[in-house]
Amino acid sequence: MRLDLKQVPKLRPNPIFKGLSGKLKDPKNFDKVEKKLRNILKSDHEHKTVKSYATCLRCNEKRGERKKLMKEIGFKSVTQYMEWKKIQMIIKNKADFQLQ
C-alpha cells in the first residue's frame, strides 16, 4: 500500500531533519556519502568478538574519524544520520511502508 498524503493530512516533517542540507536530502548523493563513511571503517584486521572490536584502539580511532566526518558532511548526530539513512534506503529501494 502506498502512502497517500491526502489520507494523512497532519503529516509533519520529522524535527530531527531540521537544518539538514539540501545536498544530504537529495537521494542522488546517498551512495557517495555512504561510500565515504563506509571506507573509513575498512580494516586490515578482524575481531572474533564484539568486545575485542569495541576495545581495539585502531578501530576506535576509525570510528572517531567517521563521527568527525559525519559532522563535516552536515549531520548533527549519529541519530540524525541513522534516520537519514533509513529514509534514503526507503527512497532508493522504492519500498512501500505502512504507518502503524
C-alpha atoms as a PDB file:
ATOM      1  CA  MET A   1       0.000   0.000   0.000  1.00  0.00           C
ATOM      2  CA  ARG A   2       1.400   3.375  -0.993  1.00  0.00           C
ATOM      3  CA  LEU A   3       1.176   6.283   1.401  1.00  0.00           C
ATOM      4  CA  ASP A   4      -1.161   8.969   0.092  1.00  0.00           C
ATOM      5  CA  LEU A   5      -0.607  12.360   1.719  1.00  0.00           C
ATOM      6  CA  LYS A   6      -4.320  13.152   1.357  1.00  0.00           C
ATOM      7  CA  GLN A   7      -5.026  10.291   3.734  1.00  0.00           C
ATOM      8  CA  VAL A   8      -2.607  11.729   6.297  1.00  0.00           C
ATOM      9  CA  PRO A   9      -3.312  15.482   6.373  1.00  0.00           C
ATOM     10  CA  LYS A  10      -1.473  16.114   9.661  1.00  0.00           C
ATOM     11  CA  LEU A  11       1.796  14.583   8.485  1.00  0.00           C
ATOM     12  CA  ARG A  12       4.709  16.744   9.604  1.00  0.00           C
ATOM     13  CA  PRO A  13       8.397  16.542   8.803  1.00  0.00           C
ATOM     14  CA  ASN A  14      10.484  14.793  11.408  1.00  0.00           C
ATOM     15  CA  PRO A  15      12.136  17.544  13.512  1.00  0.00           C
ATOM     16  CA  ILE A  16      15.383  15.549  13.611  1.00  0.00           C
ATOM     17  CA  PHE A  17      15.969  16.622   9.997  1.00  0.00           C
ATOM     18  CA  LYS A  18      15.745  20.334  10.801  1.00  0.00           C
ATOM     19  CA  GLY A  19      18.839  22.057   9.450  1.00  0.00           C
ATOM     20  CA  LEU A  20      19.839  19.154   7.203  1.00  0.00           C
ATOM     21  CA  SER A  21      21.351  20.494   3.982  1.00  0.00           C
ATOM     22  CA  GLY A  22      19.623  20.137   0.642  1.00  0.00           C
ATOM     23  CA  LYS A  23      22.647  18.199  -0.586  1.00  0.00           C
ATOM     24  CA  LEU A  24      22.010  15.486   2.010  1.00  0.00           C
ATOM     25  CA  LYS A  25      18.295  15.458   1.252  1.00  0.00           C
ATOM     26  CA  ASP A  26      18.989  14.692  -2.411  1.00  0.00           C
ATOM     27  CA  PRO A  27      18.824  10.906  -2.948  1.00  0.00           C
ATOM     28  CA  LYS A  28      21.439  11.203  -5.716  1.00  0.00           C
ATOM     29  CA  ASN A  29      24.094  11.897  -3.069  1.00  0.00           C
ATOM     30  CA  PHE A  30      23.225   8.935  -0.845  1.00  0.00           C
ATOM     31  CA  ASP A  31      25.693   6.449  -2.350  1.00  0.00           C
ATOM     32  CA  LYS A  32      28.573   8.970  -2.319  1.00  0.00           C
ATOM     33  CA  VAL A  33      28.032   9.841   1.342  1.00  0.00           C
ATOM     34  CA  GLU A  34      27.634   6.206   2.356  1.00  0.00           C
ATOM     35  CA  LYS A  35      30.796   5.209   0.473  1.00  0.00           C
ATOM     36  CA  LYS A  36      32.855   7.901   2.237  1.00  0.00           C
ATOM     37  CA  LEU A  37      31.592   6.808   5.646  1.00  0.00           C
ATOM     38  CA  ARG A  38      31.942   3.098   4.906  1.00  0.00           C
ATOM     39  CA  ASN A  39      35.514   3.426   3.592  1.00  0.00           C
ATOM     40  CA  ILE A  40      36.715   4.912   6.871  1.00  0.00           C
ATOM     41  CA  LEU A  41      35.766   1.728   8.736  1.00  0.00           C
ATOM     42  CA  LYS A  42      37.643  -0.613   6.386  1.00  0.00           C
ATOM     43  CA  SER A  43      40.239  -2.510   8.333  1.00  0.00           C
ATOM     44  CA  ASP A  44      43.260  -4.703   7.733  1.00  0.00           C
ATOM     45  CA  HIS A  45      42.356  -6.997  10.600  1.00  0.00           C
ATOM     46  CA  GLU A  46      39.367  -8.844  12.095  1.00  0.00           C
ATOM     47  CA  HIS A  47      37.885  -9.352  15.531  1.00  0.00           C
ATOM     48  CA  LYS A  48      36.466 -12.571  16.897  1.00  0.00           C
ATOM     49  CA  THR A  49      34.152 -10.856  19.370  1.00  0.00           C
ATOM     50  CA  VAL A  50      32.247  -7.592  19.647  1.00  0.00           C
ATOM     51  CA  LYS A  51      34.151  -6.862  22.844  1.00  0.00           C
ATOM     52  CA  SER A  52      37.519  -7.103  21.082  1.00  0.00           C
ATOM     53  CA  TYR A  53      36.198  -4.797  18.328  1.00  0.00           C
ATOM     54  CA  ALA A  54      34.921  -2.286  20.888  1.00  0.00           C
ATOM     55  CA  THR A  55      38.238  -2.206  22.737  1.00  0.00           C
ATOM     56  CA  CYS A  56      40.514  -2.137  19.666  1.00  0.00           C
ATOM     57  CA  LEU A  57      42.457   1.136  19.604  1.00  0.00           C
ATOM     58  CA  ARG A  58      42.774   1.263  15.793  1.00  0.00           C
ATOM     59  CA  CYS A  59      39.064   0.597  15.313  1.00  0.00           C
ATOM     60  CA  ASN A  60      38.160   3.182  17.951  1.00  0.00           C
ATOM     61  CA  GLU A  61      40.235   5.745  16.069  1.00  0.00           C
ATOM     62  CA  LYS A  62      38.442   4.861  12.831  1.00  0.00           C
ATOM     63  CA  ARG A  63      35.044   5.224  14.486  1.00  0.00           C
ATOM     64  CA  GLY A  64      36.154   8.612  15.813  1.00  0.00           C
ATOM     65  CA  GLU A  65      37.238   9.675  12.310  1.00  0.00           C
ATOM     66  CA  ARG A  66      33.884   8.522  10.947  1.00  0.00           C
ATOM     67  CA  LYS A  67      31.986  10.523  13.546  1.00  0.00           C
ATOM     68  CA  LYS A  68      34.100  13.594  12.745  1.00  0.00           C
ATOM     69  CA  LEU A  69      33.395  13.150   9.006  1.00  0.00           C
ATOM     70  CA  MET A  70      29.667  12.857   9.749  1.00  0.00           C
ATOM     71  CA  LYS A  71      29.810  16.288  11.390  1.00  0.00           C
ATOM     72  CA  GLU A  72      31.801  17.728   8.461  1.00  0.00           C
ATOM     73  CA  ILE A  73      29.289  16.345   5.963  1.00  0.00           C
ATOM     74  CA  GLY A  74      26.464  18.042   7.851  1.00  0.00           C
ATOM     75  CA  PHE A  75      24.957  15.586  10.313  1.00  0.00           C
ATOM     76  CA  LYS A  76      24.333  16.903  13.807  1.00  0.00           C
ATOM     77  CA  SER A  77      24.314  13.486  15.473  1.00  0.00           C
ATOM     78  CA  VAL A  78      24.577   9.770  14.841  1.00  0.00           C
ATOM     79  CA  THR A  79      20.822   9.547  15.455  1.00  0.00           C
ATOM     80  CA  GLN A  80      20.165  12.059  12.677  1.00  0.00           C
ATOM     81  CA  TYR A  81      22.451  10.071  10.380  1.00  0.00           C
ATOM     82  CA  MET A  82      20.664   6.792  11.152  1.00  0.00           C
ATOM     83  CA  GLU A  83      17.224   8.335  10.478  1.00  0.00           C
ATOM     84  CA  TRP A  84      18.543   9.886   7.250  1.00  0.00           C
ATOM     85  CA  LYS A  85      19.938   6.522   6.158  1.00  0.00           C
ATOM     86  CA  LYS A  86      16.642   4.763   6.896  1.00  0.00           C
ATOM     87  CA  ILE A  87      14.669   7.256   4.778  1.00  0.00           C
ATOM     88  CA  GLN A  88      17.233   7.199   1.963  1.00  0.00           C
ATOM     89  CA  MET A  89      17.100   3.387   1.841  1.00  0.00           C
ATOM     90  CA  ILE A  90      13.305   3.518   1.533  1.00  0.00           C
ATOM     91  CA  ILE A  91      13.636   6.005  -1.331  1.00  0.00           C
ATOM     92  CA  LYS A  92      16.441   4.057  -3.017  1.00  0.00           C
ATOM     93  CA  ASN A  93      14.637   0.734  -2.824  1.00  0.00           C
ATOM     94  CA  LYS A  94      11.289   2.327  -3.661  1.00  0.00           C
ATOM     95  CA  ALA A  95       9.908   0.397  -0.738  1.00  0.00           C
ATOM     96  CA  ASP A  96       6.328   0.598   0.357  1.00  0.00           C
ATOM     97  CA  PHE A  97       5.771   1.130   4.039  1.00  0.00           C
ATOM     98  CA  GLN A  98       2.827   1.381   6.354  1.00  0.00           C
ATOM     99  CA  LEU A  99       2.100   3.699   9.212  1.00  0.00           C
ATOM    100  CA  GLN A 100       1.002   1.832  12.308  1.00  0.00           C
END
